[in-house]
Amino acid sequence: MLGSILRSTSVAGRPGEYFLCKRGETWEKRWDSPSRAAYLERVFRQAMTPNGVFGCIVMWTYFQRMVRMLHEVPAYQDFDHSEVLAAVFNRPKYIWMRRRDRVQQAVSWVIAAQTEIWSQTPGDQTRTAVPLHFNFEKIDQRYNQITENEQSWENYFGQNRLEPFVLFYEDVSASHRATAERVLEFLAVPFPAGLELPAPTIEKQASAMSEEWAAAYLEQKAKLKRATMTKLE
């Protein structure tokens, strides 16, 4: 959703998950490029807006792999790992997208894994015929992973003395224009005069079922906590 909003400004790059690849894969293999350096050049060329701004989306689950693969590019092999991103992206600025409600995030993740629908565009009526099943263990696993990933990002920013601009999903989904204005101010990029932002091409997927699963998860989590406390006593 955030990437969609920023792309629509035409001055904040064209953010996408350009550095995602499966284990054992390389970008040049996944994206059919003659070399990793050539792939980087292609990404910059395609994803940079005319004002020179480039943006990409990265999740912690593959962030360290991304850094290692960048470090293997001949032009960047002499840099320390901590210096690679600054060299490749010209001292990038970080926008840390988070959620206040991690339970809802975990629920959304589990539902997406079952439906195999990870994003939805406005007006998309696509629905899965696969029956959905509440699974406390899966939701709890995702919740713990989200918490660990958040801590990893916090550690990374702290260790590297970086000050990210923190955005919360709930605020982004509530006001797209305010989000764009705040991000462009952080990037020191003027907001285009007279710009009317279209609706994001990605929309919120939460539903009544999401709420029900979140409530059921919290109830079961509380029961387990009470049972554990009783055993300790």
Protein backbone atom coordinates (compact mmCIF):
# COMPACT_ATOMS: atom_id res chain seq x y z
CA MET A 1 0.00 0.00 0.00
CA LEU A 2 2.76 2.46 0.92
CA GLY A 3 4.67 1.63 -2.26
CA SER A 4 1.52 2.25 -4.28
CA ILE A 5 1.02 5.65 -2.64
CA LEU A 6 4.60 6.73 -3.24
CA ARG A 7 4.59 5.56 -6.85
CA SER A 8 1.50 7.67 -7.50
CA THR A 9 3.36 10.87 -6.55
CA SER A 10 5.79 10.38 -9.50
CA VAL A 11 8.58 11.94 -7.39
CA ALA A 12 9.33 9.25 -4.79
CA GLY A 13 10.75 6.49 -6.96
CA ARG A 14 8.78 3.39 -7.89
CA PRO A 15 9.17 1.21 -4.79
CA GLY A 16 8.94 -2.55 -5.26
CA GLU A 17 10.50 -5.76 -3.91
CA TYR A 18 13.30 -5.79 -6.47
CA PHE A 19 15.72 -7.68 -4.23
CA LEU A 20 13.51 -10.60 -3.27
CA CYS A 21 14.61 -14.07 -4.31
CA LYS A 22 14.32 -17.59 -3.00
CA ARG A 23 17.11 -19.39 -1.20
CA GLY A 24 19.61 -20.76 -3.65
CA GLU A 25 18.52 -18.24 -6.26
CA THR A 26 20.26 -15.09 -7.44
CA TRP A 27 18.68 -11.96 -8.90
CA GLU A 28 20.28 -12.57 -12.26
CA LYS A 29 18.75 -16.05 -12.37
CA ARG A 30 15.33 -15.02 -11.04
CA TRP A 31 15.03 -11.97 -13.29
CA ASP A 32 16.91 -13.33 -16.33
CA SER A 33 19.76 -10.81 -16.25
CA PRO A 34 23.26 -11.38 -17.69
CA SER A 35 24.92 -10.39 -14.41
CA ARG A 36 24.12 -9.05 -10.97
CA ALA A 37 25.65 -5.68 -11.82
CA ALA A 38 23.50 -5.52 -14.97
CA TYR A 39 20.45 -6.35 -12.90
CA LEU A 40 21.21 -3.47 -10.52
CA GLU A 41 21.55 -1.09 -13.44
CA ARG A 42 18.22 -2.25 -14.84
CA VAL A 43 16.47 -1.83 -11.51
CA PHE A 44 17.78 1.70 -11.04
CA ARG A 45 16.80 2.61 -14.59
CA GLN A 46 13.27 1.27 -14.28
CA ALA A 47 12.50 2.23 -10.68
CA MET A 48 13.93 5.74 -10.46
CA THR A 49 11.69 8.75 -11.05
CA PRO A 50 12.98 11.62 -13.26
CA ASN A 51 14.07 13.62 -10.19
CA GLY A 52 16.63 10.92 -9.30
CA VAL A 53 14.75 9.30 -6.41
CA PHE A 54 14.88 5.51 -6.11
CA GLY A 55 12.95 3.40 -3.63
CA CYS A 56 12.72 -0.29 -2.81
CA ILE A 57 10.78 -2.45 -0.38
CA VAL A 58 12.70 -4.88 1.80
CA MET A 59 11.53 -7.25 4.52
CA TRP A 60 13.76 -8.50 7.32
CA THR A 61 13.25 -12.10 6.22
CA TYR A 62 15.63 -11.54 3.29
CA PHE A 63 17.41 -8.31 4.22
CA GLN A 64 20.69 -9.93 5.28
CA ARG A 65 20.72 -12.07 2.14
CA MET A 66 20.21 -8.93 0.07
CA VAL A 67 23.21 -7.26 1.72
CA ARG A 68 25.40 -10.34 1.10
CA MET A 69 24.41 -10.47 -2.55
CA LEU A 70 25.14 -6.78 -3.04
CA HIS A 71 28.53 -7.30 -1.41
CA GLU A 72 29.31 -9.99 -4.01
CA VAL A 73 28.97 -7.49 -6.87
CA PRO A 74 32.59 -6.80 -7.99
CA ALA A 75 32.26 -3.03 -7.64
CA TYR A 76 31.30 -3.37 -3.96
CA GLN A 77 33.50 -6.24 -2.74
CA ASP A 78 36.03 -3.91 -1.10
CA PHE A 79 33.40 -2.27 1.09
CA ASP A 80 32.62 -3.47 4.60
CA HIS A 81 29.19 -5.06 4.93
CA SER A 82 28.06 -2.06 6.96
CA GLU A 83 29.07 0.26 4.08
CA VAL A 84 27.57 -1.62 1.15
CA LEU A 85 24.07 -0.12 1.32
CA ALA A 86 25.43 3.40 1.67
CA ALA A 87 27.61 2.81 -1.40
CA VAL A 88 24.98 1.15 -3.59
CA PHE A 89 22.09 3.45 -2.70
CA ASN A 90 24.00 6.69 -2.05
CA ARG A 91 23.37 7.01 1.68
CA PRO A 92 19.75 5.85 1.69
CA LYS A 93 17.01 7.07 3.99
CA TYR A 94 14.95 4.43 5.76
CA ILE A 95 11.19 4.37 6.20
CA TRP A 96 10.25 1.77 8.81
CA MET A 97 6.73 0.49 8.15
CA ARG A 98 5.20 -1.11 11.23
CA ARG A 99 1.83 -2.11 12.65
CA ARG A 100 0.51 -1.25 16.08
CA ASP A 101 -1.70 -4.35 16.07
CA ARG A 102 0.66 -7.26 15.58
CA VAL A 103 -2.09 -9.80 16.22
CA GLN A 104 -4.05 -8.52 13.22
CA GLN A 105 -0.84 -8.60 11.20
CA ALA A 106 -0.24 -12.23 12.17
CA VAL A 107 -3.84 -13.13 11.34
CA SER A 108 -3.56 -11.46 7.93
CA TRP A 109 -0.36 -13.38 7.25
CA VAL A 110 -1.98 -16.73 8.09
CA ILE A 111 -5.07 -15.99 6.00
CA ALA A 112 -2.89 -14.95 3.04
CA ALA A 113 -0.87 -18.16 3.38
CA GLN A 114 -4.06 -20.23 3.22
CA THR A 115 -5.68 -18.32 0.35
CA GLU A 116 -2.41 -17.59 -1.48
CA ILE A 117 -3.74 -14.06 -2.02
CA TRP A 118 -1.10 -11.67 -0.69
CA SER A 119 -2.51 -8.42 -2.03
CA GLN A 120 -5.75 -7.16 -3.47
CA THR A 121 -6.52 -4.32 -5.83
CA PRO A 122 -9.66 -2.15 -5.58
CA GLY A 123 -12.63 -3.84 -7.22
CA ASP A 124 -10.90 -7.22 -7.33
CA GLN A 125 -13.57 -9.85 -6.69
CA THR A 126 -11.11 -12.75 -6.64
CA ARG A 127 -11.98 -15.18 -3.88
CA THR A 128 -10.51 -18.51 -2.95
CA ALA A 129 -12.55 -21.69 -2.84
CA VAL A 130 -10.17 -23.12 -0.25
CA PRO A 131 -11.88 -23.46 3.16
CA LEU A 132 -10.15 -21.33 5.79
CA HIS A 133 -9.30 -22.75 9.20
CA PHE A 134 -8.42 -20.89 12.39
CA ASN A 135 -5.06 -22.16 13.61
CA PHE A 136 -3.82 -20.79 16.92
CA GLU A 137 -0.33 -22.26 16.55
CA LYS A 138 0.22 -20.75 13.10
CA ILE A 139 -0.98 -17.32 14.22
CA ASP A 140 1.19 -17.49 17.33
CA GLN A 141 4.19 -18.49 15.23
CA ARG A 142 3.64 -15.53 12.90
CA TYR A 143 3.11 -13.18 15.84
CA ASN A 144 6.41 -14.26 17.38
CA GLN A 145 8.19 -13.92 14.03
CA ILE A 146 6.81 -10.39 13.56
CA THR A 147 8.00 -9.46 17.05
CA GLU A 148 11.47 -10.91 16.39
CA ASN A 149 11.74 -9.14 13.03
CA GLU A 150 10.77 -5.82 14.61
CA GLN A 151 13.48 -6.29 17.21
CA SER A 152 16.00 -7.16 14.50
CA TRP A 153 15.21 -3.95 12.62
CA GLU A 154 15.48 -1.95 15.82
CA ASN A 155 18.87 -3.52 16.55
CA TYR A 156 20.08 -2.86 13.00
CA PHE A 157 19.10 0.79 13.09
CA GLY A 158 20.64 1.25 16.53
CA GLN A 159 23.91 -0.52 15.74
CA ASN A 160 24.35 1.51 12.55
CA ARG A 161 23.23 4.81 14.12
CA LEU A 162 20.39 5.20 11.65
CA GLU A 163 17.23 7.15 12.37
CA PRO A 164 14.40 5.72 10.29
CA PHE A 165 11.17 7.54 9.63
CA VAL A 166 8.55 5.37 11.38
CA LEU A 167 5.17 4.89 9.75
CA PHE A 168 2.34 2.77 11.10
CA TYR A 169 0.13 0.80 8.74
CA GLU A 170 -2.99 1.95 10.55
CA ASP A 171 -2.14 5.61 9.82
CA VAL A 172 -1.20 4.91 6.21
CA SER A 173 -4.50 3.15 5.50
CA ALA A 174 -6.40 6.00 7.22
CA SER A 175 -4.93 8.85 5.16
CA HIS A 176 -3.02 8.29 1.93
CA ARG A 177 -2.41 11.99 1.23
CA ALA A 178 -1.11 12.71 4.73
CA THR A 179 1.22 9.73 4.36
CA ALA A 180 2.59 10.99 1.03
CA GLU A 181 3.09 14.48 2.44
CA ARG A 182 4.96 13.21 5.51
CA VAL A 183 7.21 10.87 3.52
CA LEU A 184 8.11 13.50 0.92
CA GLU A 185 8.93 15.95 3.70
CA PHE A 186 11.23 13.32 5.24
CA LEU A 187 12.89 12.78 1.85
CA ALA A 188 13.20 16.56 1.34
CA VAL A 189 11.25 16.23 -1.91
CA PRO A 190 8.67 18.97 -2.61
CA PHE A 191 5.07 17.79 -2.82
CA PRO A 192 3.95 18.39 -6.44
CA ALA A 193 1.67 21.41 -6.68
CA GLY A 194 -1.91 20.49 -7.45
CA LEU A 195 -1.30 16.76 -7.20
CA GLU A 196 -4.46 14.72 -6.68
CA LEU A 197 -3.51 11.31 -5.40
CA PRO A 198 -5.49 8.40 -6.82
CA ALA A 199 -6.63 5.59 -4.57
CA PRO A 200 -3.79 3.13 -3.86
CA THR A 201 -3.61 0.18 -6.22
CA ILE A 202 -3.38 -2.07 -3.15
CA GLU A 203 -6.18 -2.02 -0.61
CA LYS A 204 -6.72 -3.23 2.95
CA GLN A 205 -7.78 -6.89 3.12
CA ALA A 206 -9.00 -7.13 6.71
CA SER A 207 -12.50 -8.54 7.12
CA ALA A 208 -14.97 -9.58 9.81
CA MET A 209 -13.25 -12.98 9.84
CA SER A 210 -9.94 -11.29 10.62
CA GLU A 211 -11.53 -9.67 13.66
CA GLU A 212 -13.03 -13.00 14.78
CA TRP A 213 -9.71 -14.82 14.44
CA ALA A 214 -7.86 -12.08 16.32
CA ALA A 215 -10.36 -12.24 19.18
CA ALA A 216 -10.18 -16.05 19.28
CA TYR A 217 -6.37 -15.91 19.31
CA LEU A 218 -6.27 -13.43 22.18
CA GLU A 219 -8.79 -15.48 24.17
CA GLN A 220 -6.81 -18.70 23.73
CA LYS A 221 -3.54 -16.90 24.48
CA ALA A 222 -5.01 -15.57 27.74
CA LYS A 223 -6.19 -19.06 28.73
CA LEU A 224 -2.72 -20.49 28.15
CA LYS A 225 -1.18 -17.70 30.20
CA ARG A 226 -3.59 -18.34 33.09
CA ALA A 227 -2.90 -22.07 32.93
CA THR A 228 0.86 -21.43 33.03
CA MET A 229 0.52 -19.12 36.01
CA THR A 230 -1.58 -21.72 37.85
CA LYS A 231 1.12 -24.36 37.33
CA LEU A 232 3.82 -22.02 38.65
CA GLU A 233 1.79 -21.39 41.80
